[in-house]
Protein backbone atom coordinates (compact mmCIF):
# COMPACT_ATOMS: atom_id res chain seq x y z
CA MET A 1 83.55 12.68 129.44
CA SER A 2 85.51 10.28 127.25
CA ILE A 3 83.54 8.26 124.74
CA PHE A 4 85.06 5.12 126.26
CA SER A 5 83.49 5.69 129.66
CA ASP A 6 80.20 4.74 127.97
CA LEU A 7 81.38 1.51 126.35
CA ALA A 8 79.93 -1.80 127.49
CA SER A 9 83.23 -3.30 128.64
CA VAL A 10 83.86 -0.31 130.89
CA LEU A 11 80.36 -0.49 132.35
CA ASP A 12 80.60 -4.28 132.68
CA GLU A 13 77.49 -4.85 130.57
CA ASN A 14 76.77 -8.05 128.68
CA ASP A 15 73.99 -6.78 126.42
CA GLU A 16 76.04 -3.93 124.90
CA LEU A 17 73.15 -1.48 125.20
CA SER A 18 75.63 1.32 125.92
CA ASN A 19 77.43 0.61 122.66
CA LYS A 20 74.19 0.81 120.68
CA GLU A 21 73.16 4.01 122.40
CA ARG A 22 76.57 5.55 121.79
CA ALA A 23 76.33 4.59 118.12
CA ARG A 24 72.90 6.21 117.84
CA LEU A 25 74.14 9.46 119.38
CA ILE A 26 77.21 9.59 117.15
CA ALA A 27 75.19 8.88 114.01
CA GLU A 28 72.53 11.45 114.84
CA SER A 29 75.13 14.14 115.54
CA ASN A 30 77.45 13.18 112.64
CA ASP A 31 80.29 13.25 115.14
CA LYS A 32 83.27 12.43 112.93
CA LYS A 33 85.72 13.19 115.74
CA GLU A 34 84.33 10.40 117.91
CA ILE A 35 84.30 8.04 114.93
CA LYS A 36 87.97 8.80 114.33
CA GLU A 37 88.69 8.07 117.99
CA LEU A 38 86.83 4.76 117.79
CA VAL A 39 88.80 3.79 114.69
CA ALA A 40 92.06 4.55 116.49
CA ARG A 41 91.01 2.21 119.30
CA LEU A 42 90.72 -0.73 116.90
CA SER A 43 94.47 -1.16 117.31
CA TYR A 44 94.35 -0.82 121.11
CA GLN A 45 95.96 -3.69 123.01
CA ASN A 46 92.88 -4.25 125.17
CA ARG A 47 90.66 -6.61 123.16
CA ALA A 48 87.55 -5.60 125.08
CA ILE A 49 88.04 -2.01 123.91
CA GLN A 50 88.70 -3.26 120.37
CA SER A 51 85.47 -5.25 120.44
CA ASP A 52 83.45 -2.36 121.83
CA SER A 53 84.87 0.02 119.25
CA ILE A 54 84.09 -2.13 116.21
CA LYS A 55 80.63 -2.81 117.67
CA VAL A 56 79.89 0.91 117.94
CA LEU A 57 81.26 1.49 114.44
CA TYR A 58 79.09 -1.07 112.70
CA GLU A 59 76.06 0.00 114.72
CA ILE A 60 76.75 3.49 113.33
CA GLY A 61 76.91 1.87 109.90
CA TYR A 62 73.43 0.41 110.28
CA ILE A 63 72.11 3.92 110.89
CA LYS A 64 74.30 6.09 108.68
CA PRO A 65 76.73 4.02 106.54
CA GLN A 66 78.25 7.07 104.85
CA LEU A 67 80.04 7.88 108.10
CA LEU A 68 82.07 4.67 107.74
CA LEU A 69 83.05 5.22 104.12
CA PRO A 70 86.36 7.03 104.86
CA TYR A 71 87.56 3.91 106.71
CA LEU A 72 86.74 1.34 104.03
CA ASP A 73 90.41 0.47 103.42
CA LEU A 74 91.04 -0.03 107.13
CA PHE A 75 88.09 -2.39 107.48
CA LEU A 76 89.39 -4.37 104.50
CA ASP A 77 92.87 -4.59 106.03
CA LEU A 78 91.44 -5.86 109.30
CA LEU A 79 89.75 -8.79 107.55
CA SER A 80 93.11 -10.52 107.96
CA SER A 81 93.19 -9.87 111.72
CA LYS A 82 93.84 -12.82 114.04
CA ASN A 83 91.02 -11.50 116.23
CA ASN A 84 87.87 -13.19 114.89
CA ARG A 85 85.64 -10.60 116.57
CA MET A 86 87.43 -7.93 114.58
CA VAL A 87 87.07 -9.85 111.32
CA TRP A 88 83.32 -10.30 111.49
CA GLY A 89 82.81 -6.82 112.91
CA CYS A 90 84.69 -5.32 109.97
CA MET A 91 82.76 -7.47 107.50
CA ILE A 92 79.53 -6.11 108.95
CA ALA A 93 80.91 -2.57 108.61
CA LEU A 94 81.74 -3.32 104.96
CA SER A 95 78.27 -4.73 104.37
CA CYS A 96 76.84 -1.46 105.71
CA ILE A 97 79.04 0.49 103.29
CA SER A 98 77.91 -1.77 100.44
CA THR A 99 74.36 -0.49 100.83
CA ILE A 100 75.49 2.90 99.51
CA GLU A 101 78.85 2.32 97.74
CA SER A 102 79.02 -1.33 96.73
CA LYS A 103 81.06 -0.47 93.64
CA LYS A 104 84.03 0.48 95.83
CA LEU A 105 84.12 -3.05 97.22
CA TYR A 106 84.31 -4.88 93.90
CA PRO A 107 88.11 -4.54 93.47
CA HIS A 108 88.50 -6.22 96.86
CA LEU A 109 86.28 -9.25 96.24
CA SER A 110 89.13 -11.74 96.53
CA LYS A 111 90.00 -10.47 100.00
CA ILE A 112 86.36 -10.56 101.06
CA LEU A 113 85.92 -14.10 99.76
CA GLN A 114 89.10 -15.27 101.47
CA ALA A 115 87.71 -14.00 104.76
CA VAL A 116 84.49 -15.90 104.01
CA ASP A 117 86.38 -19.16 103.48
CA GLU A 118 88.19 -18.78 106.78
CA GLY A 119 85.57 -16.93 108.79
CA SER A 120 82.66 -17.43 111.14
CA VAL A 121 78.96 -17.64 110.32
CA ILE A 122 78.55 -13.93 111.01
CA THR A 123 81.39 -13.16 108.60
CA LYS A 124 79.65 -15.21 105.92
CA ASP A 125 76.28 -13.54 106.59
CA ALA A 126 77.76 -10.08 106.07
CA ALA A 127 79.66 -11.17 102.96
CA VAL A 128 76.46 -12.55 101.41
CA SER A 129 74.89 -9.12 101.92
CA ILE A 130 77.85 -7.55 100.11
CA LEU A 131 77.51 -9.96 97.18
CA ILE A 132 73.80 -9.24 96.91
CA ASN A 133 74.39 -5.49 96.91
CA LEU A 134 77.09 -5.85 94.25
CA SER A 135 74.75 -8.02 92.18
CA LYS A 136 72.29 -5.13 91.98
CA LEU A 137 74.76 -3.31 89.71
CA ALA A 138 74.45 -4.37 86.07
CA GLU A 139 78.22 -4.57 85.46
CA PHE A 140 78.70 -7.00 88.37
CA HIS A 141 75.40 -8.83 88.26
CA LEU A 142 76.50 -12.01 86.48
CA GLU A 143 79.71 -12.54 88.45
CA CYS A 144 78.44 -11.59 91.88
CA SER A 145 75.12 -13.38 91.59
CA GLY A 146 77.13 -16.48 90.67
CA LEU A 147 79.24 -16.04 93.81
CA TYR A 148 76.06 -15.56 95.82
CA PHE A 149 74.64 -18.81 94.44
CA LYS A 150 77.84 -20.60 95.48
CA CYS A 151 77.40 -19.30 99.04
CA LEU A 152 73.73 -20.30 98.96
CA LYS A 153 74.52 -23.86 97.85
CA ASN A 154 77.16 -24.32 100.54
CA SER A 155 75.41 -22.53 103.40
CA PRO A 156 74.50 -24.44 106.57
CA PRO A 157 70.80 -25.25 107.01
CA THR A 158 70.50 -22.64 109.75
CA GLN A 159 71.55 -19.86 107.35
CA PHE A 160 70.03 -21.18 104.13
CA PRO A 161 66.53 -19.69 104.53
CA MET A 162 67.91 -16.25 105.36
CA TYR A 163 70.27 -16.30 102.38
CA ALA A 164 67.41 -17.37 100.11
CA GLU A 165 65.14 -14.59 101.38
CA LYS A 166 67.86 -11.98 100.89
CA GLY A 167 68.60 -13.30 97.41
CA MET A 168 65.10 -12.46 96.20
CA GLU A 169 66.36 -8.91 95.71
CA ILE A 170 68.55 -9.94 92.76
CA ILE A 171 66.49 -12.65 91.05
CA ASP A 172 65.42 -11.94 87.48
CA HIS A 173 64.74 -13.91 84.29
CA SER A 174 68.47 -14.60 83.85
CA ASN A 175 68.97 -16.46 87.12
CA ARG A 176 65.48 -17.45 88.26
CA ASN A 177 65.78 -21.08 87.14
CA GLU A 178 69.13 -21.57 88.85
CA PHE A 179 67.79 -20.03 92.05
CA CYS A 180 64.71 -22.27 92.05
CA THR A 181 66.83 -25.35 91.36
CA ILE A 182 69.03 -24.64 94.40
CA LEU A 183 66.02 -24.05 96.65
CA GLU A 184 64.26 -27.22 95.53
CA MET A 185 67.44 -29.29 95.76
CA ARG A 186 68.13 -28.25 99.31
CA LEU A 187 64.55 -28.25 100.54
CA ASP A 188 64.65 -31.98 101.32
CA GLN A 189 67.93 -31.54 103.17
CA LEU A 190 66.42 -29.21 105.76
CA ASP A 191 65.57 -30.82 109.09
CA LYS A 192 63.30 -28.21 110.62
CA ASP A 193 59.77 -27.52 109.42
CA SER A 194 60.29 -23.81 110.12
CA GLN A 195 63.20 -23.75 107.66
CA LYS A 196 61.19 -25.61 105.00
CA LYS A 197 58.24 -23.23 105.40
CA ARG A 198 60.47 -20.23 104.77
CA ILE A 199 61.84 -21.77 101.57
CA LEU A 200 58.37 -22.76 100.36
CA LYS A 201 57.27 -19.19 100.95
CA VAL A 202 60.13 -17.93 98.76
CA LEU A 203 59.20 -20.40 96.01
CA LYS A 204 55.58 -19.26 96.13
CA LYS A 205 56.65 -15.65 95.75
CA LEU A 206 58.66 -16.62 92.69
CA GLU A 207 55.60 -18.31 91.18
CA ARG A 208 53.55 -15.13 91.59
CA ASN A 209 56.19 -12.85 90.07
């Protein structure tokens, strides 16, 4: 049976459960042949198949990111795609790769940031994860934490608490004050109590550490 007989668009599913299940099976079996076939389908004319394929690929990345590593350059190239679904799907795939090989993404920061400027909320979310993972490396910490802070300052209220929570991973004595200043500055700009509570919780954690 072809891998594509199990994709959500073929089965006319809206919840994409088939795509997630297919990703789990591929990851567990380390099936590089099926991954290669999925990658080939990213250039297929049918956009539903394209969307299914990138979905399965980044779901594989959540489970076993090393399986996506050979296709890093392709994902980077597709950040300039006119298909927005492809752009944010590839950014998620790159964020998965950054959990194990963030150093390989550093030379491509300008391309990643360009996609952020032009991209959707999901694209930005994944790029923030990449910046945080790069910031964990000493040689990139200053530059990439600065880029993260820029994203944090400019993030919409709906994303701000999540970005702040993620950022806790890279806060140290060198950037703690700047981080706190941004959180306190934007706290009054948040409309929802749930958002404010999340930021206050982050600030309390900083006080204890």
